[in-house]
C-alpha cells in the first residue's frame, strides 16, 4: 500500500473563486494514475474524511484522463480574505491529501 504523495507528481490547492478551493492531483505516468483510479480510493467520502467536512461540501470530483489528473472542488470554510481566513490564496490546503493510503484506509 502506498501513500498518495508517493504516487502523485503534484498535489496542490488554490482558490476557485472566493468561496471554493480546488485540489489537484497530477501524475507523471499512466501506471500510477491508473493504479489510483482502479483502487477507488479517491471518493467524496475519502476527501470528506480527510478534510473533516460533509460530502455535500465537495462540489466536484473529476478524473481527467487526458491530463492524468484529478480535480476536486470544495467549499471554503470562510471566504477568501474575510475575517478568520488563514490562507487567502487557498495554496496550503493540499496537505491532508498526502497521507491518504491508496488501495485502502
N, C-alpha and C. Protein backbone atom coordinates (compact mmCIF):
# COMPACT_ATOMS: atom_id res chain seq x y z
N UNK A 1 0.84 -1.17 0.00
CA UNK A 1 0.00 0.00 0.00
C UNK A 1 0.89 1.24 0.00
N UNK A 2 0.54 2.22 -0.79
CA UNK A 2 1.34 3.45 -0.90
C UNK A 2 0.53 4.66 -0.45
N UNK A 3 1.23 5.66 0.00
CA UNK A 3 0.60 6.94 0.32
C UNK A 3 0.44 7.72 -0.99
N UNK A 4 -0.57 8.56 -1.04
CA UNK A 4 -0.84 9.32 -2.25
C UNK A 4 0.36 10.16 -2.67
N UNK A 5 1.07 10.76 -1.72
CA UNK A 5 2.23 11.59 -2.09
C UNK A 5 3.34 10.78 -2.76
N UNK A 6 3.36 9.47 -2.54
CA UNK A 6 4.38 8.63 -3.17
C UNK A 6 4.05 8.32 -4.63
N UNK A 7 2.78 8.37 -4.98
CA UNK A 7 2.36 8.06 -6.35
C UNK A 7 2.21 9.30 -7.23
N UNK A 8 1.69 10.37 -6.64
CA UNK A 8 1.39 11.58 -7.42
C UNK A 8 2.64 12.43 -7.61
N UNK A 9 2.74 13.07 -8.75
CA UNK A 9 3.83 14.00 -9.02
C UNK A 9 3.55 15.36 -8.38
N UNK A 10 2.27 15.77 -8.41
CA UNK A 10 1.88 17.09 -7.89
C UNK A 10 0.62 16.94 -7.04
N UNK A 11 0.66 17.51 -5.85
CA UNK A 11 -0.52 17.70 -5.00
C UNK A 11 -0.55 19.19 -4.72
N UNK A 12 -1.62 19.87 -5.10
CA UNK A 12 -1.66 21.31 -4.89
C UNK A 12 -3.09 21.77 -4.65
N UNK A 13 -3.19 22.98 -4.13
CA UNK A 13 -4.50 23.59 -3.91
C UNK A 13 -4.42 25.05 -4.31
N UNK A 14 -5.60 25.60 -4.62
CA UNK A 14 -5.68 27.01 -4.99
C UNK A 14 -7.14 27.43 -4.91
N UNK A 15 -7.34 28.73 -4.85
CA UNK A 15 -8.71 29.24 -4.85
C UNK A 15 -9.40 28.92 -6.16
N UNK A 16 -10.67 28.69 -6.05
CA UNK A 16 -11.54 28.55 -7.21
C UNK A 16 -12.65 29.58 -7.01
N UNK A 17 -12.24 30.83 -6.92
CA UNK A 17 -13.14 31.91 -6.53
C UNK A 17 -13.04 32.10 -5.03
N UNK A 18 -13.76 33.06 -4.48
CA UNK A 18 -13.62 33.38 -3.05
C UNK A 18 -14.28 32.37 -2.12
N UNK A 19 -15.13 31.49 -2.65
CA UNK A 19 -15.90 30.59 -1.79
C UNK A 19 -15.55 29.12 -1.96
N UNK A 20 -14.59 28.81 -2.83
CA UNK A 20 -14.21 27.42 -3.09
C UNK A 20 -12.70 27.29 -3.17
N UNK A 21 -12.24 26.07 -2.89
CA UNK A 21 -10.84 25.68 -3.07
C UNK A 21 -10.82 24.50 -4.02
N UNK A 22 -9.84 24.49 -4.92
CA UNK A 22 -9.65 23.37 -5.83
C UNK A 22 -8.39 22.63 -5.43
N UNK A 23 -8.50 21.31 -5.36
CA UNK A 23 -7.36 20.43 -5.12
C UNK A 23 -7.03 19.74 -6.43
N UNK A 24 -5.75 19.69 -6.76
CA UNK A 24 -5.31 18.99 -7.97
C UNK A 24 -4.37 17.87 -7.58
N UNK A 25 -4.60 16.71 -8.16
CA UNK A 25 -3.71 15.56 -8.01
C UNK A 25 -3.27 15.20 -9.42
N UNK A 26 -1.97 15.32 -9.68
CA UNK A 26 -1.44 15.09 -11.02
C UNK A 26 -0.37 14.02 -11.00
N UNK A 27 -0.34 13.22 -12.05
CA UNK A 27 0.61 12.12 -12.17
C UNK A 27 1.51 12.34 -13.38
N UNK A 28 2.71 11.79 -13.30
CA UNK A 28 3.62 11.90 -14.44
C UNK A 28 3.73 10.60 -15.23
N UNK A 29 2.91 9.60 -14.84
CA UNK A 29 2.89 8.36 -15.62
C UNK A 29 1.52 7.70 -15.55
N UNK A 30 1.18 7.07 -16.61
CA UNK A 30 -0.13 6.41 -16.76
C UNK A 30 -0.34 5.33 -15.71
N UNK A 31 0.70 4.55 -15.41
CA UNK A 31 0.56 3.43 -14.49
C UNK A 31 0.12 3.88 -13.10
N UNK A 32 0.74 4.92 -12.56
CA UNK A 32 0.36 5.40 -11.22
C UNK A 32 -1.04 5.98 -11.22
N UNK A 33 -1.38 6.71 -12.27
CA UNK A 33 -2.73 7.28 -12.37
C UNK A 33 -3.77 6.16 -12.42
N UNK A 34 -3.53 5.17 -13.25
CA UNK A 34 -4.48 4.05 -13.38
C UNK A 34 -4.57 3.24 -12.09
N UNK A 35 -3.44 3.09 -11.39
CA UNK A 35 -3.45 2.39 -10.10
C UNK A 35 -4.37 3.10 -9.11
N UNK A 36 -4.22 4.41 -9.03
CA UNK A 36 -5.07 5.18 -8.12
C UNK A 36 -6.53 5.09 -8.55
N UNK A 37 -6.78 5.28 -9.81
CA UNK A 37 -8.16 5.27 -10.31
C UNK A 37 -8.82 3.91 -10.05
N UNK A 38 -8.11 2.83 -10.32
CA UNK A 38 -8.66 1.49 -10.13
C UNK A 38 -8.88 1.15 -8.66
N UNK A 39 -8.13 1.79 -7.77
CA UNK A 39 -8.25 1.49 -6.34
C UNK A 39 -9.54 2.03 -5.73
N UNK A 40 -10.18 2.96 -6.42
CA UNK A 40 -11.39 3.61 -5.90
C UNK A 40 -11.12 4.27 -4.54
N UNK A 41 -9.91 4.79 -4.38
CA UNK A 41 -9.52 5.43 -3.13
C UNK A 41 -10.03 6.86 -3.05
N UNK A 42 -9.96 7.59 -4.14
CA UNK A 42 -10.37 9.00 -4.13
C UNK A 42 -11.86 9.08 -4.44
N UNK A 43 -12.62 9.31 -3.39
CA UNK A 43 -14.07 9.45 -3.49
C UNK A 43 -14.46 10.68 -2.67
N UNK A 44 -15.69 11.11 -2.81
CA UNK A 44 -16.16 12.23 -1.98
C UNK A 44 -16.07 11.86 -0.50
N UNK A 45 -16.34 10.62 -0.18
CA UNK A 45 -16.29 10.18 1.21
C UNK A 45 -14.86 10.24 1.76
N UNK A 46 -13.89 9.80 0.97
CA UNK A 46 -12.49 9.84 1.39
C UNK A 46 -12.03 11.27 1.63
N UNK A 47 -12.37 12.15 0.70
CA UNK A 47 -11.97 13.55 0.82
C UNK A 47 -12.66 14.19 2.01
N UNK A 48 -13.95 13.90 2.19
CA UNK A 48 -14.69 14.46 3.33
C UNK A 48 -14.05 14.05 4.65
N UNK A 49 -13.63 12.80 4.77
CA UNK A 49 -12.96 12.34 6.00
C UNK A 49 -11.62 13.05 6.18
N UNK A 50 -10.85 13.16 5.12
CA UNK A 50 -9.52 13.78 5.21
C UNK A 50 -9.61 15.25 5.63
N UNK A 51 -10.67 15.93 5.19
CA UNK A 51 -10.81 17.35 5.48
C UNK A 51 -11.83 17.66 6.59
N UNK A 52 -12.43 16.61 7.14
CA UNK A 52 -13.42 16.76 8.19
C UNK A 52 -14.55 17.71 7.77
N UNK A 53 -15.10 17.41 6.58
CA UNK A 53 -16.22 18.19 6.04
C UNK A 53 -17.32 17.23 5.61
N UNK A 54 -18.47 17.78 5.26
CA UNK A 54 -19.58 16.97 4.74
C UNK A 54 -19.34 16.70 3.26
N UNK A 55 -19.80 15.57 2.78
CA UNK A 55 -19.66 15.26 1.35
C UNK A 55 -20.39 16.29 0.50
N UNK A 56 -21.42 16.90 1.04
CA UNK A 56 -22.16 17.92 0.28
C UNK A 56 -21.33 19.19 0.06
N UNK A 57 -20.25 19.35 0.84
CA UNK A 57 -19.35 20.49 0.64
C UNK A 57 -18.37 20.26 -0.50
N UNK A 58 -18.35 19.06 -1.04
CA UNK A 58 -17.50 18.75 -2.18
C UNK A 58 -18.35 18.93 -3.43
N UNK A 59 -18.04 19.96 -4.18
CA UNK A 59 -18.87 20.33 -5.32
C UNK A 59 -18.54 19.55 -6.59
N UNK A 60 -17.27 19.21 -6.77
CA UNK A 60 -16.86 18.46 -7.97
C UNK A 60 -15.72 17.52 -7.61
N UNK A 61 -15.74 16.34 -8.20
CA UNK A 61 -14.63 15.41 -8.14
C UNK A 61 -14.55 14.80 -9.53
N UNK A 62 -13.50 15.17 -10.26
CA UNK A 62 -13.41 14.80 -11.68
C UNK A 62 -12.09 14.12 -11.96
N UNK A 63 -12.15 12.93 -12.56
CA UNK A 63 -10.96 12.26 -13.08
C UNK A 63 -10.82 12.71 -14.53
N UNK A 64 -9.68 13.30 -14.87
CA UNK A 64 -9.45 13.81 -16.22
C UNK A 64 -8.31 13.02 -16.85
N UNK A 65 -8.69 11.95 -17.56
CA UNK A 65 -7.72 11.01 -18.11
C UNK A 65 -6.67 11.65 -19.03
N UNK A 66 -7.04 12.57 -19.94
CA UNK A 66 -6.01 13.11 -20.83
C UNK A 66 -4.86 13.82 -20.10
N UNK A 67 -5.12 14.35 -18.91
CA UNK A 67 -4.08 15.06 -18.16
C UNK A 67 -3.50 14.21 -17.02
N UNK A 68 -3.97 12.96 -16.91
CA UNK A 68 -3.55 12.09 -15.80
C UNK A 68 -3.76 12.81 -14.47
N UNK A 69 -4.95 13.39 -14.32
CA UNK A 69 -5.20 14.19 -13.13
C UNK A 69 -6.59 14.07 -12.56
N UNK A 70 -6.70 14.54 -11.33
CA UNK A 70 -7.97 14.57 -10.61
C UNK A 70 -8.13 15.98 -10.06
N UNK A 71 -9.32 16.53 -10.22
CA UNK A 71 -9.63 17.86 -9.70
C UNK A 71 -10.79 17.71 -8.73
N UNK A 72 -10.61 18.29 -7.56
CA UNK A 72 -11.63 18.26 -6.52
C UNK A 72 -11.91 19.71 -6.13
N UNK A 73 -13.16 20.11 -6.18
CA UNK A 73 -13.53 21.47 -5.78
C UNK A 73 -14.46 21.37 -4.59
N UNK A 74 -14.13 22.13 -3.55
CA UNK A 74 -14.93 22.07 -2.33
C UNK A 74 -15.13 23.47 -1.76
N UNK A 75 -16.14 23.59 -0.94
CA UNK A 75 -16.46 24.88 -0.31
C UNK A 75 -15.37 25.26 0.68
N UNK A 76 -15.07 26.54 0.72
CA UNK A 76 -14.15 27.06 1.75
C UNK A 76 -14.93 27.24 3.05
N UNK A 77 -14.27 27.04 4.16
CA UNK A 77 -14.91 27.24 5.47
C UNK A 77 -15.30 28.70 5.65
N UNK A 78 -14.40 29.60 5.28
CA UNK A 78 -14.69 31.03 5.27
C UNK A 78 -14.21 31.57 3.93
N UNK A 79 -14.83 32.62 3.45
CA UNK A 79 -14.46 33.14 2.13
C UNK A 79 -13.06 33.75 2.16
N UNK A 80 -12.43 33.72 1.02
CA UNK A 80 -11.07 34.22 0.88
C UNK A 80 -10.99 35.70 1.28
N UNK A 81 -10.07 36.00 2.17
CA UNK A 81 -9.84 37.38 2.59
C UNK A 81 -10.75 37.89 3.68
N UNK A 82 -11.72 37.08 4.11
CA UNK A 82 -12.61 37.55 5.18
C UNK A 82 -11.97 37.29 6.54
N UNK A 83 -12.58 37.85 7.57
CA UNK A 83 -12.08 37.64 8.93
C UNK A 83 -12.04 36.15 9.24
N UNK A 84 -10.94 35.69 9.78
CA UNK A 84 -10.80 34.27 10.11
C UNK A 84 -10.15 33.45 9.01
N UNK A 85 -9.94 34.04 7.85
CA UNK A 85 -9.29 33.31 6.76
C UNK A 85 -7.80 33.24 7.04
N UNK A 86 -7.25 32.02 7.06
CA UNK A 86 -5.83 31.83 7.34
C UNK A 86 -5.01 31.53 6.09
N UNK A 87 -5.67 31.44 4.94
CA UNK A 87 -4.96 31.10 3.70
C UNK A 87 -5.68 31.79 2.54
N UNK A 88 -5.40 33.05 2.35
CA UNK A 88 -6.11 33.88 1.38
C UNK A 88 -6.12 33.25 -0.02
N UNK A 89 -5.00 32.64 -0.42
CA UNK A 89 -4.89 32.09 -1.77
C UNK A 89 -5.33 30.63 -1.87
N UNK A 90 -5.62 30.00 -0.75
CA UNK A 90 -6.01 28.59 -0.76
C UNK A 90 -4.86 27.68 -1.14
N UNK A 91 -3.64 28.17 -1.03
CA UNK A 91 -2.47 27.45 -1.53
C UNK A 91 -1.88 26.45 -0.53
N UNK A 92 -2.41 26.40 0.67
CA UNK A 92 -1.84 25.50 1.68
C UNK A 92 -2.86 24.44 2.13
N UNK A 93 -3.80 24.11 1.27
CA UNK A 93 -4.88 23.21 1.67
C UNK A 93 -4.71 21.78 1.17
N UNK A 94 -3.62 21.47 0.53
CA UNK A 94 -3.44 20.14 -0.06
C UNK A 94 -2.84 19.11 0.90
N UNK A 95 -2.32 19.53 2.03
CA UNK A 95 -1.62 18.63 2.94
C UNK A 95 -2.44 17.39 3.36
N UNK A 96 -3.73 17.49 3.66
CA UNK A 96 -4.48 16.29 4.04
C UNK A 96 -4.51 15.20 2.95
N UNK A 97 -4.26 15.57 1.71
CA UNK A 97 -4.23 14.57 0.64
C UNK A 97 -3.01 13.65 0.77
N UNK A 98 -1.92 14.18 1.28
CA UNK A 98 -0.64 13.49 1.24
C UNK A 98 -0.66 12.08 1.81
N UNK A 99 -1.31 11.90 2.93
CA UNK A 99 -1.24 10.61 3.62
C UNK A 99 -2.42 9.69 3.37
N UNK A 100 -3.23 10.01 2.39
CA UNK A 100 -4.30 9.08 2.01
C UNK A 100 -3.65 7.82 1.46
N UNK A 101 -4.05 6.69 1.98
CA UNK A 101 -3.47 5.42 1.54
C UNK A 101 -4.22 4.91 0.32
N UNK A 102 -3.49 4.62 -0.71
CA UNK A 102 -4.07 4.13 -1.95
C UNK A 102 -4.27 2.63 -1.85
N UNK A 103 -5.51 2.22 -2.09
CA UNK A 103 -5.84 0.81 -2.01
C UNK A 103 -6.46 0.42 -0.68
N UNK A 104 -6.66 1.36 0.19
CA UNK A 104 -7.27 1.10 1.50
C UNK A 104 -7.06 2.27 2.42
N UNK A 105 -7.72 2.23 3.57
CA UNK A 105 -7.58 3.34 4.51
C UNK A 105 -7.10 2.87 5.84
